[in-house]
Amino acid sequence: MADMRNLQTKLIFLQIISLSLCGWLPVERNVEIEWDLESTPLEIKTNSVLGSGDMVHVFLYSAEGEYAGGVYLKFSSTPQYALPYCTTSSTNLPVNLPSPTDKVWRITLTKTAGVRVVIHCNEVEVLNILISQATCENNSYGGWSTIWNRDVTKIKFASSSDRASNYYGTQPEPCGEGKYRNDAMTSCETCDAGLTPNSDKTACEPCPAGSYKNIEMNTCEECPDNTISSEGAALCTTCELGKERNSGRTKCEPCPAGSYKNIEMNTCEECPDNTISSEGAALCTACELGQERNSGRTECEPCPAGSYQNIEMNTCEECPDNTISSEGAALCTACELGQERNSGRTECEPCPAGSYKNIEMNTCEECPDNTISSEGAALCTACELGQERNSGRTECEPCPAGSYKNIEMNTCEECPDNTISSEGAALCTACELGKERNSGRTKCGKNC
């Protein structure tokens, strides 16, 4: 048993030494301790639970040993406070206490603009009160104004009522960036990867989704371009080809059909001219010759008959004059001589009889005067002397007897006076002297 007690005594001593090195000293009750509260806030460490009824009870004294105020904290089910020589009864603290059982209370006294008492619990402000006529009703010992305006140079933990105060000390140095104060509030520690100190630096909490923190970083940072993360991530994950991250940096979503994203890109972009893609594409596919893409940039569709698309073009265009094409054509085909294309630019049709089309023409035209043609003619044929074409411009017919047509004429004309001709004559023949022609202009008759 003696050995066990010796071991316990050593452990308690080592704990006291450790806490002392961290700025903590064991509480000695009913002993005046030199403490300038206005320049050095007082920190008190407790581990009492709410509902225990334990109390923190600290008296404040001037250099002459006169009362200068006090602080009273009670661990009732609803924590309460009182300010001796100001309030006469306990009042509920206006703010809920942090949940950990181990608590560090910091009592701060300022007199720059009236006498003010501020109390923090685990870095959370739980009381901020101005000592004044409005808040104090206790006028014993010369009144609250006299007592609380004295300079505080000493403190004393009450001998019988204070059962909660375990250790006291000065405010520890604030933890640096990326560090938090451990549960015992004795040292600053670094949060693990993916975790960051909470606002009061009393615990670690996960980095928000869309951010990360590795072991070399002090704070969570947003994921770089094209990467995502879930809550508490130490690293961000790169989105695959054909995917881009959402606005919250939490998911990689496939590029919409008609767009793409390759290894050099951070966001999906529309497919370039004459290319298409399906959802989640890393590259766009070019449409073949004779095809153009649809408006959604998702399919290649054949050019309509009568149009074409070659390697230098992004869209289908109508076939030029005198050319035709079938559906999906990369080139248009020229119509042959004696042919013209139809209105749909899909077929070459022969020129009608009585018309023609040569190499310099885009459409069939009627044969010129005194010429004829058959269907599909590239040229028209001139009628011979003594012939004229029919009304359909398809045949040369001989001039009727009594008429003629020479090289300068386009149609047959009646023979002039006193001349006659037979069918198909290029010239009319004059009647001899003493003869006259008949009424049909075909013969020279008896002598006059």
Protein backbone atom coordinates (compact mmCIF):
# COMPACT_ATOMS: atom_id res chain seq x y z
CA MET A 1 0.00 0.00 0.00
CA ALA A 2 2.86 2.37 0.87
CA ASP A 3 4.40 1.77 -2.56
CA MET A 4 1.07 2.51 -4.22
CA ARG A 5 0.70 5.78 -2.31
CA ASN A 6 4.27 6.75 -3.21
CA LEU A 7 3.53 6.04 -6.90
CA GLN A 8 0.34 8.12 -6.80
CA THR A 9 2.23 10.95 -5.08
CA LYS A 10 4.89 10.88 -7.82
CA LEU A 11 2.26 10.91 -10.56
CA ILE A 12 0.51 13.88 -8.98
CA PHE A 13 3.83 15.68 -8.64
CA LEU A 14 4.72 15.00 -12.31
CA GLN A 15 1.30 16.30 -13.37
CA ILE A 16 1.83 19.46 -11.33
CA ILE A 17 5.29 19.96 -12.88
CA SER A 18 3.86 19.44 -16.40
CA LEU A 19 1.03 21.90 -15.83
CA SER A 20 3.40 24.42 -14.28
CA LEU A 21 5.58 24.30 -17.38
CA CYS A 22 2.47 25.10 -19.44
CA GLY A 23 1.60 28.12 -17.24
CA TRP A 24 -0.65 26.31 -14.74
CA LEU A 25 -0.29 26.20 -10.94
CA PRO A 26 -2.32 24.13 -8.46
CA VAL A 27 -4.95 26.17 -6.67
CA GLU A 28 -4.15 26.98 -3.02
CA ARG A 29 -7.27 28.03 -1.17
CA ASN A 30 -7.54 30.79 1.42
CA VAL A 31 -4.10 32.12 0.37
CA GLU A 32 -3.56 35.62 -0.98
CA ILE A 33 -1.81 35.48 -4.37
CA GLU A 34 -0.12 38.47 -5.96
CA TRP A 35 -2.05 39.16 -9.17
CA ASP A 36 -2.55 42.39 -11.14
CA LEU A 37 -5.87 41.47 -12.72
CA GLU A 38 -6.11 44.65 -14.79
CA SER A 39 -2.89 43.84 -16.66
CA THR A 40 -3.00 40.02 -16.53
CA PRO A 41 -6.29 38.14 -17.05
CA LEU A 42 -6.76 35.22 -14.65
CA GLU A 43 -7.24 31.73 -16.12
CA ILE A 44 -8.79 28.93 -14.02
CA LYS A 45 -8.93 25.26 -15.08
CA THR A 46 -11.92 23.13 -13.97
CA ASN A 47 -13.35 19.68 -14.68
CA SER A 48 -16.61 19.87 -12.72
CA VAL A 49 -19.80 18.83 -14.49
CA LEU A 50 -23.00 20.83 -14.72
CA GLY A 51 -25.44 19.90 -12.00
CA SER A 52 -22.68 19.04 -9.52
CA GLY A 53 -23.20 22.25 -7.58
CA ASP A 54 -19.42 22.89 -7.51
CA MET A 55 -18.32 26.51 -7.48
CA VAL A 56 -15.48 28.76 -8.54
CA HIS A 57 -15.18 31.48 -5.90
CA VAL A 58 -12.42 34.09 -6.20
CA PHE A 59 -12.04 37.19 -4.02
CA LEU A 60 -10.24 40.30 -5.35
CA TYR A 61 -8.12 42.53 -3.07
CA SER A 62 -6.25 45.82 -3.23
CA ALA A 63 -2.62 46.22 -2.20
CA GLU A 64 -3.87 47.32 1.24
CA GLY A 65 -5.85 44.10 1.61
CA GLU A 66 -9.24 45.72 1.08
CA TYR A 67 -12.03 44.02 -0.84
CA ALA A 68 -11.92 44.98 -4.54
CA GLY A 69 -14.67 42.69 -5.88
CA GLY A 70 -14.99 39.00 -6.68
CA VAL A 71 -16.24 36.34 -9.12
CA TYR A 72 -18.56 33.45 -8.33
CA LEU A 73 -19.40 30.68 -10.85
CA LYS A 74 -21.74 27.80 -9.96
CA PHE A 75 -21.98 24.47 -11.84
CA SER A 76 -25.72 24.07 -11.39
CA SER A 77 -27.79 22.40 -14.10
CA THR A 78 -28.06 25.89 -15.59
CA PRO A 79 -24.69 27.56 -14.88
CA GLN A 80 -24.89 30.75 -12.84
CA TYR A 81 -22.68 33.65 -11.83
CA ALA A 82 -22.52 36.32 -9.16
CA LEU A 83 -20.26 39.31 -8.59
CA PRO A 84 -19.69 39.75 -4.84
CA TYR A 85 -20.11 43.33 -3.58
CA CYS A 86 -22.19 44.09 -6.68
CA THR A 87 -24.95 41.48 -7.04
CA THR A 88 -26.73 39.92 -4.09
CA SER A 89 -27.98 36.77 -5.85
CA SER A 90 -26.90 34.33 -8.54
CA THR A 91 -27.97 34.86 -12.15
CA ASN A 92 -27.98 32.43 -15.08
CA LEU A 93 -25.13 32.96 -17.51
CA PRO A 94 -26.55 34.47 -20.71
CA VAL A 95 -24.64 32.09 -23.02
CA ASN A 96 -24.50 28.28 -23.12
CA LEU A 97 -21.16 26.82 -22.08
CA PRO A 98 -18.95 24.77 -24.44
CA SER A 99 -19.60 21.03 -24.07
CA PRO A 100 -16.18 19.63 -22.98
CA THR A 101 -15.97 18.80 -19.25
CA ASP A 102 -12.44 20.21 -19.08
CA LYS A 103 -12.90 23.95 -19.14
CA VAL A 104 -10.58 26.95 -18.99
CA TRP A 105 -12.15 30.12 -17.66
CA ARG A 106 -10.56 33.50 -18.34
CA ILE A 107 -11.53 36.44 -16.15
CA THR A 108 -10.65 39.87 -17.54
CA LEU A 109 -11.06 43.17 -15.65
CA THR A 110 -10.84 46.52 -17.48
CA LYS A 111 -11.36 50.08 -16.27
CA THR A 112 -10.74 52.15 -19.40
CA ALA A 113 -14.44 53.06 -19.77
CA GLY A 114 -15.99 52.12 -16.46
CA VAL A 115 -15.41 48.88 -14.58
CA ARG A 116 -16.09 45.92 -16.88
CA VAL A 117 -15.85 42.18 -16.17
CA VAL A 118 -15.54 39.81 -19.13
CA ILE A 119 -15.53 36.00 -18.69
CA HIS A 120 -14.60 33.46 -21.36
CA CYS A 121 -15.03 29.69 -21.19
CA ASN A 122 -12.86 27.72 -23.61
CA GLU A 123 -12.47 30.90 -25.69
CA VAL A 124 -16.24 31.50 -25.80
CA GLU A 125 -17.40 34.76 -24.23
CA VAL A 126 -20.09 33.86 -21.69
CA LEU A 127 -20.34 37.14 -19.75
CA ASN A 128 -19.62 40.78 -20.52
CA ILE A 129 -20.98 43.16 -17.91
CA LEU A 130 -20.40 46.77 -16.93
CA ILE A 131 -20.28 47.26 -13.13
CA SER A 132 -22.71 50.14 -12.64
CA GLN A 133 -25.75 51.34 -10.77
CA ALA A 134 -27.88 49.46 -13.29
CA THR A 135 -26.24 46.10 -12.59
CA CYS A 136 -25.27 46.37 -8.90
CA GLU A 137 -27.57 46.50 -5.89
CA ASN A 138 -25.10 45.61 -3.13
CA ASN A 139 -23.94 48.68 -1.19
CA SER A 140 -22.28 46.91 1.74
CA TYR A 141 -18.66 47.63 2.68
CA GLY A 142 -18.82 51.17 1.35
CA GLY A 143 -20.89 50.37 -1.74
CA TRP A 144 -20.15 48.69 -5.05
CA SER A 145 -18.59 51.82 -6.58
CA THR A 146 -15.98 52.14 -3.83
CA ILE A 147 -15.07 48.44 -3.81
CA TRP A 148 -14.96 47.71 -7.55
CA ASN A 149 -12.96 50.86 -8.34
CA ARG A 150 -10.05 49.76 -6.14
CA ASP A 151 -6.93 48.53 -7.95
CA VAL A 152 -6.74 44.73 -7.87
CA THR A 153 -3.29 43.42 -6.93
CA LYS A 154 -4.19 40.18 -5.11
CA ILE A 155 -6.60 37.29 -5.47
CA LYS A 156 -7.74 34.52 -3.11
CA PHE A 157 -9.64 31.29 -3.80
CA ALA A 158 -12.33 30.75 -1.12
CA SER A 159 -11.41 27.97 1.30
CA SER A 160 -14.74 26.21 1.71
CA SER A 161 -17.05 27.28 -1.13
CA ASP A 162 -14.59 26.89 -4.05
CA ARG A 163 -14.53 23.20 -4.97
CA ALA A 164 -14.27 23.58 -8.76
CA SER A 165 -10.97 25.47 -9.27
CA ASN A 166 -8.14 23.01 -9.91
CA TYR A 167 -5.40 25.11 -11.50
CA TYR A 168 -4.84 28.74 -12.29
CA GLY A 169 -2.41 30.70 -14.42
CA THR A 170 -1.94 33.30 -17.07
CA GLN A 171 -3.51 33.22 -20.49
CA PRO A 172 -1.46 30.80 -22.62
CA GLU A 173 0.09 32.00 -25.84
CA PRO A 174 -2.47 31.76 -28.65
CA CYS A 175 -2.02 28.75 -30.89
CA GLY A 176 -0.42 29.47 -34.25
CA GLU A 177 -2.07 29.01 -37.62
CA GLY A 178 -3.23 25.47 -38.21
CA LYS A 179 -2.95 24.49 -34.52
CA TYR A 180 -5.48 23.97 -31.73
CA ARG A 181 -5.29 23.69 -27.95
CA ASN A 182 -5.67 20.10 -26.75
CA ASP A 183 -8.47 18.92 -24.45
CA ALA A 184 -6.36 19.59 -21.39
CA MET A 185 -5.66 23.09 -22.75
CA THR A 186 -1.99 22.49 -21.99
CA SER A 187 -0.39 22.64 -25.43
CA CYS A 188 -1.02 23.51 -29.07
CA GLU A 189 -1.23 20.62 -31.51
CA THR A 190 -1.42 20.33 -35.29
CA CYS A 191 -4.61 19.05 -36.92
CA ASP A 192 -4.28 15.95 -39.08
CA ALA A 193 -4.47 16.14 -42.85
CA GLY A 194 -7.98 17.05 -44.01
CA LEU A 195 -8.76 18.75 -40.70
CA THR A 196 -8.50 22.37 -39.60
CA PRO A 197 -8.91 24.14 -36.22
CA ASN A 198 -12.40 25.35 -35.38
CA SER A 199 -13.08 29.04 -34.81
CA ASP A 200 -12.01 29.04 -31.15
CA LYS A 201 -9.06 26.69 -31.80
CA THR A 202 -10.22 24.13 -29.26
CA ALA A 203 -10.73 21.20 -31.64
CA CYS A 204 -10.25 20.10 -35.25
CA GLU A 205 -13.04 19.95 -37.79
CA PRO A 206 -13.05 18.55 -41.35
CA CYS A 207 -12.23 20.76 -44.31
CA PRO A 208 -15.40 21.58 -46.28
CA ALA A 209 -16.16 19.56 -49.40
CA GLY A 210 -14.43 21.20 -52.36
CA SER A 211 -11.31 22.04 -50.33
CA TYR A 212 -8.33 20.14 -48.92
CA LYS A 213 -5.46 20.35 -46.46
CA ASN A 214 -2.38 18.19 -46.64
CA ILE A 215 0.14 17.62 -43.87
CA GLU A 216 2.25 20.61 -44.95
CA MET A 217 -0.63 23.11 -44.96
CA ASN A 218 -2.04 25.15 -42.07
CA THR A 219 -5.46 25.95 -43.49
CA CYS A 220 -7.97 24.38 -45.86
CA GLU A 221 -7.71 25.70 -49.41
CA GLU A 222 -10.06 25.42 -52.37
CA CYS A 223 -9.35 22.58 -54.76
CA PRO A 224 -7.34 23.73 -57.80
CA ASP A 225 -8.90 23.91 -61.25
CA ASN A 226 -10.39 20.64 -62.53
CA THR A 227 -10.22 18.88 -59.15
CA ILE A 228 -12.81 17.95 -56.50
CA SER A 229 -12.96 16.70 -52.93
CA SER A 230 -15.35 15.42 -50.29
CA GLU A 231 -15.46 16.73 -46.71
CA GLY A 232 -12.25 16.23 -44.77
CA ALA A 233 -10.02 15.61 -47.78
CA ALA A 234 -6.25 15.67 -47.62
CA LEU A 235 -5.99 15.79 -51.40
CA CYS A 236 -8.21 16.79 -54.32
CA THR A 237 -9.02 14.35 -57.12
CA THR A 238 -8.60 15.34 -60.76
CA CYS A 239 -11.63 15.03 -63.02
CA GLU A 240 -11.21 12.53 -65.85
CA LEU A 241 -11.07 13.47 -69.52
CA GLY A 242 -14.53 14.38 -70.76
CA LYS A 243 -15.66 15.58 -67.32
CA GLU A 244 -15.70 18.94 -65.54
CA ARG A 245 -16.33 19.74 -61.89
CA ASN A 246 -19.54 21.27 -60.59
CA SER A 247 -19.68 24.74 -59.05
CA GLY A 248 -19.28 23.33 -55.55
CA ARG A 249 -16.06 21.52 -56.49
CA THR A 250 -17.57 18.25 -55.15
CA LYS A 251 -18.43 16.22 -58.26
CA CYS A 252 -17.02 15.55 -61.72
CA GLU A 253 -19.86 15.67 -64.22
CA PRO A 254 -19.69 14.50 -67.86
CA CYS A 255 -19.41 17.15 -70.55
CA PRO A 256 -22.76 17.65 -72.30
CA ALA A 257 -23.18 16.07 -75.74
CA GLY A 258 -21.80 18.48 -78.31
CA SER A 259 -18.86 19.54 -76.12
CA TYR A 260 -15.54 18.06 -74.99
CA LYS A 261 -12.69 18.42 -72.50
CA ASN A 262 -9.17 17.19 -73.14
CA ILE A 263 -6.13 16.92 -70.88
CA GLU A 264 -5.18 20.59 -71.32
CA MET A 265 -8.62 21.99 -70.49
CA ASN A 266 -10.33 22.79 -67.17
CA THR A 267 -13.88 23.16 -68.47
CA CYS A 268 -16.00 21.65 -71.21
CA GLU A 269 -16.07 23.63 -74.46
CA GLU A 270 -18.31 23.41 -77.51
CA CYS A 271 -17.09 21.21 -80.34
CA PRO A 272 -15.36 23.19 -83.13
CA ASP A 273 -16.98 23.68 -86.53
CA ASN A 274 -18.17 20.51 -88.28
CA THR A 275 -17.36 18.21 -85.34
CA ILE A 276 -19.65 16.33 -82.94
CA SER A 277 -19.50 14.49 -79.62
CA SER A 278 -21.57 12.35 -77.28
CA GLU A 279 -21.87 13.00 -73.52
CA GLY A 280 -18.58 12.82 -71.64
CA ALA A 281 -16.32 13.15 -74.68
CA ALA A 282 -12.61 13.94 -74.44
CA LEU A 283 -12.46 14.73 -78.17
CA CYS A 284 -14.86 15.76 -80.90
CA THR A 285 -15.20 13.73 -84.10
CA ALA A 286 -15.13 15.44 -87.50
CA CYS A 287 -18.05 14.87 -89.85
CA GLU A 288 -17.16 13.05 -93.08
CA LEU A 289 -17.19 14.70 -96.49
CA GLY A 290 -20.75 15.22 -97.66
CA GLN A 291 -22.04 15.58 -94.08
CA GLU A 292 -22.75 18.48 -91.72
CA ARG A 293 -23.48 18.41 -88.00
CA ASN A 294 -26.91 19.06 -86.52
CA SER A 295 -27.71 22.10 -84.37
CA GLY A 296 -27.01 20.16 -81.17
CA ARG A 297 -23.51 19.21 -82.33
CA THR A 298 -24.35 15.53 -81.62
CA GLU A 299 -24.83 13.91 -85.05
CA CYS A 300 -23.46 14.17 -88.57
CA GLU A 301 -26.25 14.29 -91.14
CA PRO A 302 -25.85 13.83 -94.93
CA CYS A 303 -26.07 16.91 -97.08
CA PRO A 304 -29.46 17.11 -98.82
CA ALA A 305 -29.60 16.16 -102.49
CA GLY A 306 -28.70 19.22 -104.55
CA SER A 307 -26.00 20.36 -102.11
CA TYR A 308 -22.46 19.31 -101.14
CA GLN A 309 -19.75 19.72 -98.51
CA ASN A 310 -16.04 19.32 -99.18
CA ILE A 311 -12.97 19.29 -96.96
CA GLU A 312 -12.75 23.10 -96.83
CA MET A 313 -16.39 23.64 -95.84
CA ASN A 314 -18.21 23.46 -92.47
CA THR A 315 -21.76 23.38 -93.79
CA CYS A 316 -23.57 22.01 -96.80
CA GLU A 317 -24.01 24.50 -99.64
CA GLU A 318 -26.19 24.46 -102.78
CA CYS A 319 -24.60 23.05 -105.92
CA PRO A 320 -23.30 25.78 -108.24
CA ASP A 321 -24.99 26.54 -111.59
CA ASN A 322 -25.32 23.60 -113.99
CA THR A 323 -24.32 21.00 -111.37
CA ILE A 324 -26.26 18.36 -109.42
CA SER A 325 -25.74 16.00 -106.47
CA SER A 326 -27.37 13.14 -104.63
CA GLU A 327 -27.74 13.03 -100.82
CA GLY A 328 -24.45 13.08 -98.90
CA ALA A 329 -22.31 14.37 -101.78
CA ALA A 330 -18.85 15.81 -101.26
CA LEU A 331 -18.85 17.26 -104.79
CA CYS A 332 -21.44 18.28 -107.37
CA THR A 333 -21.45 16.83 -110.89
CA ALA A 334 -21.71 19.09 -113.95
CA CYS A 335 -24.50 18.44 -116.43
CA GLU A 336 -23.35 17.39 -119.92
CA LEU A 337 -23.78 19.46 -123.09
CA GLY A 338 -27.41 19.51 -124.18
CA GLN A 339 -28.62 19.00 -120.59
CA GLU A 340 -29.80 21.30 -117.80
CA ARG A 341 -30.45 20.50 -114.12
CA ASN A 342 -33.92 20.28 -112.63
CA SER A 343 -35.22 22.72 -110.02
CA GLY A 344 -34.16 20.44 -107.17
CA ARG A 345 -30.55 20.32 -108.44
CA THR A 346 -30.70 16.52 -108.36
CA GLU A 347 -30.91 15.43 -112.03
CA CYS A 348 -29.66 16.52 -115.44
CA GLU A 349 -32.47 16.52 -117.98
CA PRO A 350 -32.06 16.79 -121.80
CA CYS A 351 -32.86 20.11 -123.41
CA PRO A 352 -36.27 19.96 -125.16
CA ALA A 353 -36.31 19.63 -128.97
CA GLY A 354 -36.02 23.09 -130.46
CA SER A 355 -33.53 24.26 -127.79
CA TYR A 356 -29.85 23.71 -126.98
CA LYS A 357 -27.16 24.20 -124.33
CA ASN A 358 -23.47 24.54 -125.05
CA ILE A 359 -20.45 24.61 -122.76
CA GLU A 360 -20.83 28.30 -121.92
CA MET A 361 -24.50 28.07 -120.95
CA ASN A 362 -26.21 27.06 -117.66
CA THR A 363 -29.72 26.57 -119.04
CA CYS A 364 -31.31 25.43 -122.27
CA GLU A 365 -32.25 28.20 -124.67
CA GLU A 366 -34.46 28.27 -127.78
CA CYS A 367 -32.69 27.70 -131.09
CA PRO A 368 -31.92 30.98 -132.88
CA ASP A 369 -33.78 31.99 -136.06
CA ASN A 370 -33.65 29.49 -138.94
CA THR A 371 -32.15 26.73 -136.78
CA ILE A 372 -33.57 23.50 -135.34
CA SER A 373 -32.60 20.83 -132.83
CA SER A 374 -33.66 17.45 -131.52
CA GLU A 375 -33.93 16.65 -127.77
CA GLY A 376 -30.66 16.98 -125.85
CA ALA A 377 -28.87 19.07 -128.46
CA ALA A 378 -25.69 20.96 -127.64
CA LEU A 379 -26.03 22.97 -130.86
CA CYS A 380 -28.82 23.94 -133.26
CA THR A 381 -28.62 23.11 -137.00
CA ALA A 382 -29.32 25.79 -139.62
CA CYS A 383 -31.99 25.08 -142.23
CA GLU A 384 -30.72 24.89 -145.84
CA LEU A 385 -31.51 27.41 -148.57
CA GLY A 386 -35.13 27.02 -149.68
CA GLN A 387 -36.16 25.67 -146.25
CA GLU A 388 -37.68 27.17 -143.13
CA ARG A 389 -38.13 25.63 -139.70
CA ASN A 390 -41.48 24.57 -138.32
CA SER A 391 -43.14 26.26 -135.37
CA GLY A 392 -41.68 23.71 -132.94
CA ARG A 393 -38.13 24.47 -134.15
CA THR A 394 -37.61 20.74 -134.70
CA GLU A 395 -37.66 20.28 -138.52
CA CYS A 396 -36.66 22.16 -141.68
CA GLU A 397 -39.47 22.13 -144.25
CA PRO A 398 -39.17 23.15 -147.97
CA CYS A 399 -40.56 26.51 -148.98
CA PRO A 400 -43.91 26.06 -150.78
CA ALA A 401 -43.95 26.44 -154.60
CA GLY A 402 -44.30 30.14 -155.43
CA SER A 403 -42.01 31.18 -152.55
CA TYR A 404 -38.29 31.16 -151.78
CA LYS A 405 -35.68 31.63 -149.03
CA ASN A 406 -32.14 32.72 -149.64
CA ILE A 407 -29.14 32.90 -147.32
CA GLU A 408 -30.12 36.26 -145.86
CA MET A 409 -33.68 35.25 -144.99
CA ASN A 410 -35.10 33.36 -141.99
CA THR A 411 -38.52 32.52 -143.47
CA CYS A 412 -39.93 31.69 -146.89
CA GLU A 413 -41.39 34.65 -148.77
CA GLU A 414 -43.62 34.87 -151.85
CA CYS A 415 -41.83 35.28 -155.17
CA PRO A 416 -41.74 38.90 -156.36
CA ASP A 417 -43.86 40.07 -159.29
CA ASN A 418 -43.44 38.12 -162.58
CA THR A 419 -41.30 35.46 -160.89
CA ILE A 420 -42.06 31.83 -160.09
CA SER A 421 -40.58 29.01 -158.10
CA SER A 422 -41.00 25.32 -157.41
CA GLU A 423 -41.08 23.82 -153.91
CA GLY A 424 -37.90 24.31 -151.92
CA ALA A 425 -36.54 27.13 -154.03
CA ALA A 426 -33.77 29.36 -152.85
CA LEU A 427 -34.48 31.85 -155.64
CA CYS A 428 -37.47 32.75 -157.89
CA THR A 429 -37.16 32.67 -161.74
CA ALA A 430 -38.43 35.58 -163.87
CA CYS A 431 -40.98 34.81 -166.63
CA GLU A 432 -39.79 35.38 -170.21
CA LEU A 433 -40.83 38.41 -172.20
CA GLY A 434 -44.29 38.00 -173.45
CA LYS A 435 -45.30 35.58 -170.66
CA GLU A 436 -46.93 36.06 -167.29
CA ARG A 437 -47.04 33.81 -164.27
CA ASN A 438 -50.09 31.97 -163.08
CA SER A 439 -51.91 32.79 -159.82
CA GLY A 440 -49.97 30.15 -157.89
CA ARG A 441 -46.64 31.75 -158.88
CA THR A 442 -45.48 28.38 -160.14
CA LYS A 443 -45.61 28.68 -163.94
CA CYS A 444 -45.11 31.26 -166.71
CA GLY A 445 -48.17 30.94 -169.00
CA LYS A 446 -49.21 31.95 -172.55
CA ASN A 447 -48.07 35.01 -174.29
CA CYS A 448 -49.68 38.19 -173.27
